[in-house]
Amino acid sequence: QGLQHYRDLLGSDIFTTRPLPWLESALDQLLGLVQEHG
């Protein structure tokens, strides 16, 4: 839930002027590993 929340937040309008692709990538990798549980 936390990883998904922060991933969604990084993709929101809040970060359009300051994108952090490396941070989004790290969260995506962790989500891929943890999403096995739902």
All heavy atoms as atom14 arrays in JSON, in Angstrom:
{
  "sequence": "QGLQHYRDLLGSDIFTTRPLPWLESALDQLLGLVQEHG",
  "atom14_mask": [
    [1, 1, 1, 1, 1, 1, 1, 1, 1, 0, 0, 0, 0, 0],
    [1, 1, 1, 1, 0, 0, 0, 0, 0, 0, 0, 0, 0, 0],
    [1, 1, 1, 1, 1, 1, 1, 1, 0, 0, 0, 0, 0, 0],
    [1, 1, 1, 1, 1, 1, 1, 1, 1, 0, 0, 0, 0, 0],
    [1, 1, 1, 1, 1, 1, 1, 1, 1, 1, 0, 0, 0, 0],
    [1, 1, 1, 1, 1, 1, 1, 1, 1, 1, 1, 1, 0, 0],
    [1, 1, 1, 1, 1, 1, 1, 1, 1, 1, 1, 0, 0, 0],
    [1, 1, 1, 1, 1, 1, 1, 1, 0, 0, 0, 0, 0, 0],
    [1, 1, 1, 1, 1, 1, 1, 1, 0, 0, 0, 0, 0, 0],
    [1, 1, 1, 1, 1, 1, 1, 1, 0, 0, 0, 0, 0, 0],
    [1, 1, 1, 1, 0, 0, 0, 0, 0, 0, 0, 0, 0, 0],
    [1, 1, 1, 1, 1, 1, 0, 0, 0, 0, 0, 0, 0, 0],
    [1, 1, 1, 1, 1, 1, 1, 1, 0, 0, 0, 0, 0, 0],
    [1, 1, 1, 1, 1, 1, 1, 1, 0, 0, 0, 0, 0, 0],
    [1, 1, 1, 1, 1, 1, 1, 1, 1, 1, 1, 0, 0, 0],
    [1, 1, 1, 1, 1, 1, 1, 0, 0, 0, 0, 0, 0, 0],
    [1, 1, 1, 1, 1, 1, 1, 0, 0, 0, 0, 0, 0, 0],
    [1, 1, 1, 1, 1, 1, 1, 1, 1, 1, 1, 0, 0, 0],
    [1, 1, 1, 1, 1, 1, 1, 0, 0, 0, 0, 0, 0, 0],
    [1, 1, 1, 1, 1, 1, 1, 1, 0, 0, 0, 0, 0, 0],
    [1, 1, 1, 1, 1, 1, 1, 0, 0, 0, 0, 0, 0, 0],
    [1, 1, 1, 1, 1, 1, 1, 1, 1, 1, 1, 1, 1, 1],
    [1, 1, 1, 1, 1, 1, 1, 1, 0, 0, 0, 0, 0, 0],
    [1, 1, 1, 1, 1, 1, 1, 1, 1, 0, 0, 0, 0, 0],
    [1, 1, 1, 1, 1, 1, 0, 0, 0, 0, 0, 0, 0, 0],
    [1, 1, 1, 1, 1, 0, 0, 0, 0, 0, 0, 0, 0, 0],
    [1, 1, 1, 1, 1, 1, 1, 1, 0, 0, 0, 0, 0, 0],
    [1, 1, 1, 1, 1, 1, 1, 1, 0, 0, 0, 0, 0, 0],
    [1, 1, 1, 1, 1, 1, 1, 1, 1, 0, 0, 0, 0, 0],
    [1, 1, 1, 1, 1, 1, 1, 1, 0, 0, 0, 0, 0, 0],
    [1, 1, 1, 1, 1, 1, 1, 1, 0, 0, 0, 0, 0, 0],
    [1, 1, 1, 1, 0, 0, 0, 0, 0, 0, 0, 0, 0, 0],
    [1, 1, 1, 1, 1, 1, 1, 1, 0, 0, 0, 0, 0, 0],
    [1, 1, 1, 1, 1, 1, 1, 0, 0, 0, 0, 0, 0, 0],
    [1, 1, 1, 1, 1, 1, 1, 1, 1, 0, 0, 0, 0, 0],
    [1, 1, 1, 1, 1, 1, 1, 1, 1, 0, 0, 0, 0, 0],
    [1, 1, 1, 1, 1, 1, 1, 1, 1, 1, 0, 0, 0, 0],
    [1, 1, 1, 1, 0, 0, 0, 0, 0, 0, 0, 0, 0, 0]
  ],
  "atom14_positions": [
    [[0.83, -1.21, 0.0], [0.0, 0.0, 0.0], [0.86, 1.26, 0.0], [0.6, 2.21, -0.74], [-0.9, 0.03, 1.22], [-2.04, -0.94, 1.18], [-2.82, -0.95, 2.49], [-2.37, -0.43, 3.51], [-3.99, -1.56, 2.47], [0.0, 0.0, 0.0], [0.0, 0.0, 0.0], [0.0, 0.0, 0.0], [0.0, 0.0, 0.0], [0.0, 0.0, 0.0]],
    [[1.89, 1.26, 0.82], [2.78, 2.42, 0.89], [3.54, 2.64, -0.41], [3.62, 3.77, -0.91], [0.0, 0.0, 0.0], [0.0, 0.0, 0.0], [0.0, 0.0, 0.0], [0.0, 0.0, 0.0], [0.0, 0.0, 0.0], [0.0, 0.0, 0.0], [0.0, 0.0, 0.0], [0.0, 0.0, 0.0], [0.0, 0.0, 0.0], [0.0, 0.0, 0.0]],
    [[4.1, 1.59, -0.96], [4.84, 1.71, -2.22], [3.93, 2.23, -3.33], [4.32, 3.1, -4.11], [5.44, 0.36, -2.62], [6.58, -0.16, -1.76], [6.93, -1.59, -2.14], [7.81, 0.74, -1.87], [0.0, 0.0, 0.0], [0.0, 0.0, 0.0], [0.0, 0.0, 0.0], [0.0, 0.0, 0.0], [0.0, 0.0, 0.0], [0.0, 0.0, 0.0]],
    [[2.72, 1.68, -3.39], [1.78, 2.12, -4.43], [1.39, 3.58, -4.23], [1.31, 4.34, -5.19], [0.53, 1.23, -4.43], [-0.39, 1.52, -5.59], [0.23, 1.17, -6.92], [0.66, 0.05, -7.13], [0.29, 2.13, -7.82], [0.0, 0.0, 0.0], [0.0, 0.0, 0.0], [0.0, 0.0, 0.0], [0.0, 0.0, 0.0], [0.0, 0.0, 0.0]],
    [[1.2, 3.98, -2.98], [0.85, 5.36, -2.69], [1.95, 6.31, -3.18], [1.67, 7.3, -3.86], [0.64, 5.55, -1.18], [0.51, 6.97, -0.77], [-0.66, 7.69, -0.9], [1.43, 7.84, -0.26], [-0.46, 8.92, -0.47], [0.78, 9.04, -0.07], [0.0, 0.0, 0.0], [0.0, 0.0, 0.0], [0.0, 0.0, 0.0], [0.0, 0.0, 0.0]],
    [[3.19, 6.01, -2.84], [4.28, 6.89, -3.23], [4.52, 6.85, -4.73], [4.86, 7.86, -5.34], [5.56, 6.56, -2.46], [5.47, 7.0, -1.02], [5.39, 6.09, 0.01], [5.4, 8.35, -0.7], [5.28, 6.5, 1.33], [5.29, 8.78, 0.61], [5.23, 7.84, 1.62], [5.1, 8.26, 2.92], [0.0, 0.0, 0.0], [0.0, 0.0, 0.0]],
    [[4.31, 5.69, -5.35], [4.46, 5.6, -6.81], [3.4, 6.47, -7.49], [3.68, 7.19, -8.42], [4.35, 4.14, -7.25], [4.49, 3.94, -8.75], [5.83, 4.45, -9.24], [5.95, 4.38, -10.66], [5.6, 5.35, -11.49], [5.1, 6.49, -11.04], [5.77, 5.24, -12.79], [0.0, 0.0, 0.0], [0.0, 0.0, 0.0], [0.0, 0.0, 0.0]],
    [[2.17, 6.39, -7.0], [1.09, 7.22, -7.55], [1.38, 8.69, -7.33], [1.13, 9.53, -8.19], [-0.25, 6.85, -6.92], [-0.74, 5.47, -7.3], [-0.22, 4.9, -8.29], [-1.64, 4.96, -6.62], [0.0, 0.0, 0.0], [0.0, 0.0, 0.0], [0.0, 0.0, 0.0], [0.0, 0.0, 0.0], [0.0, 0.0, 0.0], [0.0, 0.0, 0.0]],
    [[1.91, 9.02, -6.17], [2.22, 10.41, -5.84], [3.3, 10.97, -6.77], [3.19, 12.09, -7.25], [2.68, 10.5, -4.38], [2.72, 11.86, -3.74], [1.35, 12.52, -3.78], [3.19, 11.75, -2.31], [0.0, 0.0, 0.0], [0.0, 0.0, 0.0], [0.0, 0.0, 0.0], [0.0, 0.0, 0.0], [0.0, 0.0, 0.0], [0.0, 0.0, 0.0]],
    [[4.33, 10.16, -7.04], [5.39, 10.61, -7.94], [4.89, 10.8, -9.37], [5.47, 11.57, -10.13], [6.56, 9.63, -7.92], [7.41, 9.65, -6.65], [8.4, 8.5, -6.64], [8.14, 10.97, -6.51], [0.0, 0.0, 0.0], [0.0, 0.0, 0.0], [0.0, 0.0, 0.0], [0.0, 0.0, 0.0], [0.0, 0.0, 0.0], [0.0, 0.0, 0.0]],
    [[3.83, 10.09, -9.72], [3.26, 10.24, -11.06], [2.18, 11.3, -11.13], [1.58, 11.5, -12.18], [0.0, 0.0, 0.0], [0.0, 0.0, 0.0], [0.0, 0.0, 0.0], [0.0, 0.0, 0.0], [0.0, 0.0, 0.0], [0.0, 0.0, 0.0], [0.0, 0.0, 0.0], [0.0, 0.0, 0.0], [0.0, 0.0, 0.0], [0.0, 0.0, 0.0]],
    [[1.94, 11.99, -10.03], [0.87, 12.99, -10.0], [1.37, 14.36, -10.46], [2.56, 14.56, -10.74], [0.3, 13.1, -8.58], [1.22, 13.78, -7.75], [0.0, 0.0, 0.0], [0.0, 0.0, 0.0], [0.0, 0.0, 0.0], [0.0, 0.0, 0.0], [0.0, 0.0, 0.0], [0.0, 0.0, 0.0], [0.0, 0.0, 0.0], [0.0, 0.0, 0.0]],
    [[0.46, 15.32, -10.49], [0.8, 16.67, -10.93], [1.8, 17.36, -10.0], [2.46, 18.31, -10.4], [-0.47, 17.52, -11.08], [-1.13, 17.84, -9.75], [-1.07, 16.99, -8.84], [-1.71, 18.93, -9.63], [0.0, 0.0, 0.0], [0.0, 0.0, 0.0], [0.0, 0.0, 0.0], [0.0, 0.0, 0.0], [0.0, 0.0, 0.0], [0.0, 0.0, 0.0]],
    [[1.92, 16.87, -8.79], [2.85, 17.49, -7.82], [4.29, 17.43, -8.34], [5.06, 18.36, -8.13], [2.76, 16.78, -6.46], [1.37, 16.99, -5.86], [3.84, 17.24, -5.5], [1.1, 16.15, -4.63], [0.0, 0.0, 0.0], [0.0, 0.0, 0.0], [0.0, 0.0, 0.0], [0.0, 0.0, 0.0], [0.0, 0.0, 0.0], [0.0, 0.0, 0.0]],
    [[4.63, 16.37, -9.05], [6.0, 16.18, -9.51], [6.19, 16.43, -11.01], [7.2, 16.03, -11.58], [6.5, 14.77, -9.14], [6.81, 14.63, -7.68], [5.85, 14.17, -6.8], [8.06, 14.98, -7.2], [6.13, 14.04, -5.44], [8.35, 14.85, -5.84], [7.38, 14.39, -4.97], [0.0, 0.0, 0.0], [0.0, 0.0, 0.0], [0.0, 0.0, 0.0]],
    [[5.24, 17.11, -11.67], [5.41, 17.35, -13.1], [6.58, 18.28, -13.4], [7.25, 18.13, -14.41], [4.12, 17.93, -13.74], [3.71, 19.07, -13.0], [3.02, 16.9, -13.79], [0.0, 0.0, 0.0], [0.0, 0.0, 0.0], [0.0, 0.0, 0.0], [0.0, 0.0, 0.0], [0.0, 0.0, 0.0], [0.0, 0.0, 0.0], [0.0, 0.0, 0.0]],
    [[6.85, 19.24, -12.52], [7.96, 20.16, -12.76], [9.28, 19.61, -12.22], [10.33, 20.17, -12.52], [7.69, 21.53, -12.09], [7.53, 21.34, -10.68], [6.46, 22.19, -12.68], [0.0, 0.0, 0.0], [0.0, 0.0, 0.0], [0.0, 0.0, 0.0], [0.0, 0.0, 0.0], [0.0, 0.0, 0.0], [0.0, 0.0, 0.0], [0.0, 0.0, 0.0]],
    [[9.2, 18.55, -11.45], [10.41, 17.95, -10.87], [10.3, 16.42, -10.93], [10.2, 15.75, -9.9], [10.56, 18.41, -9.43], [11.85, 17.95, -8.77], [11.88, 18.37, -7.32], [13.12, 17.94, -6.69], [13.3, 17.92, -5.38], [12.35, 18.32, -4.58], [14.43, 17.52, -4.88], [0.0, 0.0, 0.0], [0.0, 0.0, 0.0], [0.0, 0.0, 0.0]],
    [[10.33, 15.87, -12.13], [10.21, 14.41, -12.23], [11.45, 13.73, -11.64], [12.56, 14.24, -11.74], [10.08, 14.14, -13.73], [10.62, 15.35, -14.39], [10.48, 16.5, -13.43], [0.0, 0.0, 0.0], [0.0, 0.0, 0.0], [0.0, 0.0, 0.0], [0.0, 0.0, 0.0], [0.0, 0.0, 0.0], [0.0, 0.0, 0.0], [0.0, 0.0, 0.0]],
    [[11.21, 12.6, -11.01], [12.3, 11.82, -10.42], [12.22, 10.39, -10.95], [11.8, 9.46, -10.25], [12.19, 11.84, -8.89], [12.29, 13.22, -8.25], [11.87, 13.19, -6.79], [13.71, 13.76, -8.38], [0.0, 0.0, 0.0], [0.0, 0.0, 0.0], [0.0, 0.0, 0.0], [0.0, 0.0, 0.0], [0.0, 0.0, 0.0], [0.0, 0.0, 0.0]],
    [[12.65, 10.19, -12.22], [12.48, 8.87, -12.84], [13.23, 7.75, -12.12], [12.75, 6.63, -12.05], [13.01, 9.07, -14.26], [13.81, 10.32, -14.23], [13.29, 11.14, -13.11], [0.0, 0.0, 0.0], [0.0, 0.0, 0.0], [0.0, 0.0, 0.0], [0.0, 0.0, 0.0], [0.0, 0.0, 0.0], [0.0, 0.0, 0.0], [0.0, 0.0, 0.0]],
    [[14.39, 8.04, -11.56], [15.14, 7.0, -10.86], [14.4, 6.55, -9.6], [14.43, 5.38, -9.22], [16.55, 7.47, -10.51], [16.56, 8.68, -9.62], [16.61, 9.99, -10.0], [16.47, 8.7, -8.2], [16.56, 10.82, -8.91], [16.48, 10.05, -7.78], [16.38, 7.72, -7.23], [16.41, 10.43, -6.45], [16.31, 8.09, -5.9], [16.33, 9.44, -5.52]],
    [[13.7, 7.48, -8.96], [12.92, 7.15, -7.78], [11.69, 6.32, -8.16], [11.37, 5.33, -7.52], [12.51, 8.45, -7.07], [11.91, 8.35, -5.69], [12.78, 7.55, -4.75], [11.71, 9.75, -5.12], [0.0, 0.0, 0.0], [0.0, 0.0, 0.0], [0.0, 0.0, 0.0], [0.0, 0.0, 0.0], [0.0, 0.0, 0.0], [0.0, 0.0, 0.0]],
    [[11.04, 6.73, -9.23], [9.9, 5.96, -9.74], [10.34, 4.56, -10.13], [9.64, 3.58, -9.85], [9.27, 6.66, -10.94], [8.56, 7.95, -10.59], [7.94, 8.62, -11.81], [7.27, 7.91, -12.6], [8.12, 9.84, -11.97], [0.0, 0.0, 0.0], [0.0, 0.0, 0.0], [0.0, 0.0, 0.0], [0.0, 0.0, 0.0], [0.0, 0.0, 0.0]],
    [[11.51, 4.44, -10.74], [12.02, 3.14, -11.15], [12.28, 2.24, -9.94], [11.94, 1.05, -9.97], [13.31, 3.33, -11.96], [13.9, 2.1, -12.25], [0.0, 0.0, 0.0], [0.0, 0.0, 0.0], [0.0, 0.0, 0.0], [0.0, 0.0, 0.0], [0.0, 0.0, 0.0], [0.0, 0.0, 0.0], [0.0, 0.0, 0.0], [0.0, 0.0, 0.0]],
    [[12.88, 2.79, -8.9], [13.15, 1.99, -7.69], [11.84, 1.52, -7.06], [11.72, 0.36, -6.64], [13.97, 2.8, -6.69], [0.0, 0.0, 0.0], [0.0, 0.0, 0.0], [0.0, 0.0, 0.0], [0.0, 0.0, 0.0], [0.0, 0.0, 0.0], [0.0, 0.0, 0.0], [0.0, 0.0, 0.0], [0.0, 0.0, 0.0], [0.0, 0.0, 0.0]],
    [[10.84, 2.41, -7.01], [9.55, 2.02, -6.46], [8.88, 0.96, -7.33], [8.27, 0.01, -6.82], [8.64, 3.24, -6.3], [9.06, 4.22, -5.21], [8.16, 5.45, -5.23], [9.05, 3.58, -3.84], [0.0, 0.0, 0.0], [0.0, 0.0, 0.0], [0.0, 0.0, 0.0], [0.0, 0.0, 0.0], [0.0, 0.0, 0.0], [0.0, 0.0, 0.0]],
    [[8.99, 1.1, -8.65], [8.44, 0.09, -9.56], [9.1, -1.27, -9.34], [8.42, -2.31, -9.36], [8.61, 0.52, -11.03], [7.63, 1.59, -11.44], [6.57, 1.73, -10.79], [7.92, 2.32, -12.43], [0.0, 0.0, 0.0], [0.0, 0.0, 0.0], [0.0, 0.0, 0.0], [0.0, 0.0, 0.0], [0.0, 0.0, 0.0], [0.0, 0.0, 0.0]],
    [[10.41, -1.28, -9.14], [11.11, -2.54, -8.89], [10.63, -3.19, -7.59], [10.36, -4.39, -7.55], [12.62, -2.31, -8.83], [13.25, -2.01, -10.16], [14.73, -1.67, -10.02], [15.33, -1.87, -8.97], [15.33, -1.15, -11.08], [0.0, 0.0, 0.0], [0.0, 0.0, 0.0], [0.0, 0.0, 0.0], [0.0, 0.0, 0.0], [0.0, 0.0, 0.0]],
    [[10.52, -2.39, -6.54], [10.03, -2.93, -5.27], [8.59, -3.4, -5.39], [8.22, -4.45, -4.87], [10.16, -1.89, -4.15], [11.56, -1.68, -3.61], [11.61, -0.47, -2.69], [12.03, -2.93, -2.87], [0.0, 0.0, 0.0], [0.0, 0.0, 0.0], [0.0, 0.0, 0.0], [0.0, 0.0, 0.0], [0.0, 0.0, 0.0], [0.0, 0.0, 0.0]],
    [[7.77, -2.63, -6.11], [6.38, -3.05, -6.32], [6.32, -4.39, -7.04], [5.51, -5.25, -6.7], [5.62, -1.99, -7.12], [5.03, -0.85, -6.33], [4.57, 0.27, -7.25], [3.87, -1.33, -5.47], [0.0, 0.0, 0.0], [0.0, 0.0, 0.0], [0.0, 0.0, 0.0], [0.0, 0.0, 0.0], [0.0, 0.0, 0.0], [0.0, 0.0, 0.0]],
    [[7.18, -4.55, -8.03], [7.22, -5.82, -8.76], [7.56, -6.99, -7.87], [7.04, -8.1, -8.04], [0.0, 0.0, 0.0], [0.0, 0.0, 0.0], [0.0, 0.0, 0.0], [0.0, 0.0, 0.0], [0.0, 0.0, 0.0], [0.0, 0.0, 0.0], [0.0, 0.0, 0.0], [0.0, 0.0, 0.0], [0.0, 0.0, 0.0], [0.0, 0.0, 0.0]],
    [[8.42, -6.77, -6.9], [8.81, -7.85, -5.98], [7.75, -8.12, -4.92], [7.56, -9.26, -4.5], [10.14, -7.49, -5.3], [11.35, -7.45, -6.22], [12.53, -6.81, -5.51], [11.7, -8.85, -6.7], [0.0, 0.0, 0.0], [0.0, 0.0, 0.0], [0.0, 0.0, 0.0], [0.0, 0.0, 0.0], [0.0, 0.0, 0.0], [0.0, 0.0, 0.0]],
    [[7.06, -7.09, -4.48], [6.11, -7.24, -3.38], [4.7, -7.53, -3.88], [3.9, -8.11, -3.17], [6.13, -5.97, -2.49], [5.09, -6.03, -1.39], [7.51, -5.78, -1.88], [0.0, 0.0, 0.0], [0.0, 0.0, 0.0], [0.0, 0.0, 0.0], [0.0, 0.0, 0.0], [0.0, 0.0, 0.0], [0.0, 0.0, 0.0], [0.0, 0.0, 0.0]],
    [[4.39, -7.19, -5.13], [3.02, -7.34, -5.63], [2.58, -8.78, -5.74], [1.43, -9.05, -6.01], [2.86, -6.66, -6.98], [2.51, -5.21, -6.83], [2.19, -4.56, -8.15], [2.54, -5.06, -9.21], [1.53, -3.43, -8.1], [0.0, 0.0, 0.0], [0.0, 0.0, 0.0], [0.0, 0.0, 0.0], [0.0, 0.0, 0.0], [0.0, 0.0, 0.0]],
    [[3.48, -9.72, -5.51], [3.08, -11.13, -5.52], [2.02, -11.36, -4.45], [1.27, -12.3, -4.5], [4.28, -12.01, -5.21], [5.39, -11.91, -6.2], [6.63, -12.63, -5.73], [6.73, -12.94, -4.53], [7.5, -12.88, -6.56], [0.0, 0.0, 0.0], [0.0, 0.0, 0.0], [0.0, 0.0, 0.0], [0.0, 0.0, 0.0], [0.0, 0.0, 0.0]],
    [[1.97, -10.5, -3.45], [1.06, -10.67, -2.33], [-0.24, -9.9, -2.52], [-0.95, -9.64, -1.57], [1.77, -10.24, -1.04], [2.91, -11.14, -0.74], [2.77, -12.29, -0.01], [4.2, -11.1, -1.12], [3.93, -12.91, 0.07], [4.81, -12.21, -0.59], [0.0, 0.0, 0.0], [0.0, 0.0, 0.0], [0.0, 0.0, 0.0], [0.0, 0.0, 0.0]],
    [[-0.53, -9.53, -3.73], [-1.78, -8.83, -4.02], [-1.5, -7.64, -4.9], [-0.44, -7.04, -4.83], [0.0, 0.0, 0.0], [0.0, 0.0, 0.0], [0.0, 0.0, 0.0], [0.0, 0.0, 0.0], [0.0, 0.0, 0.0], [0.0, 0.0, 0.0], [0.0, 0.0, 0.0], [0.0, 0.0, 0.0], [0.0, 0.0, 0.0], [0.0, 0.0, 0.0]]
  ]
}
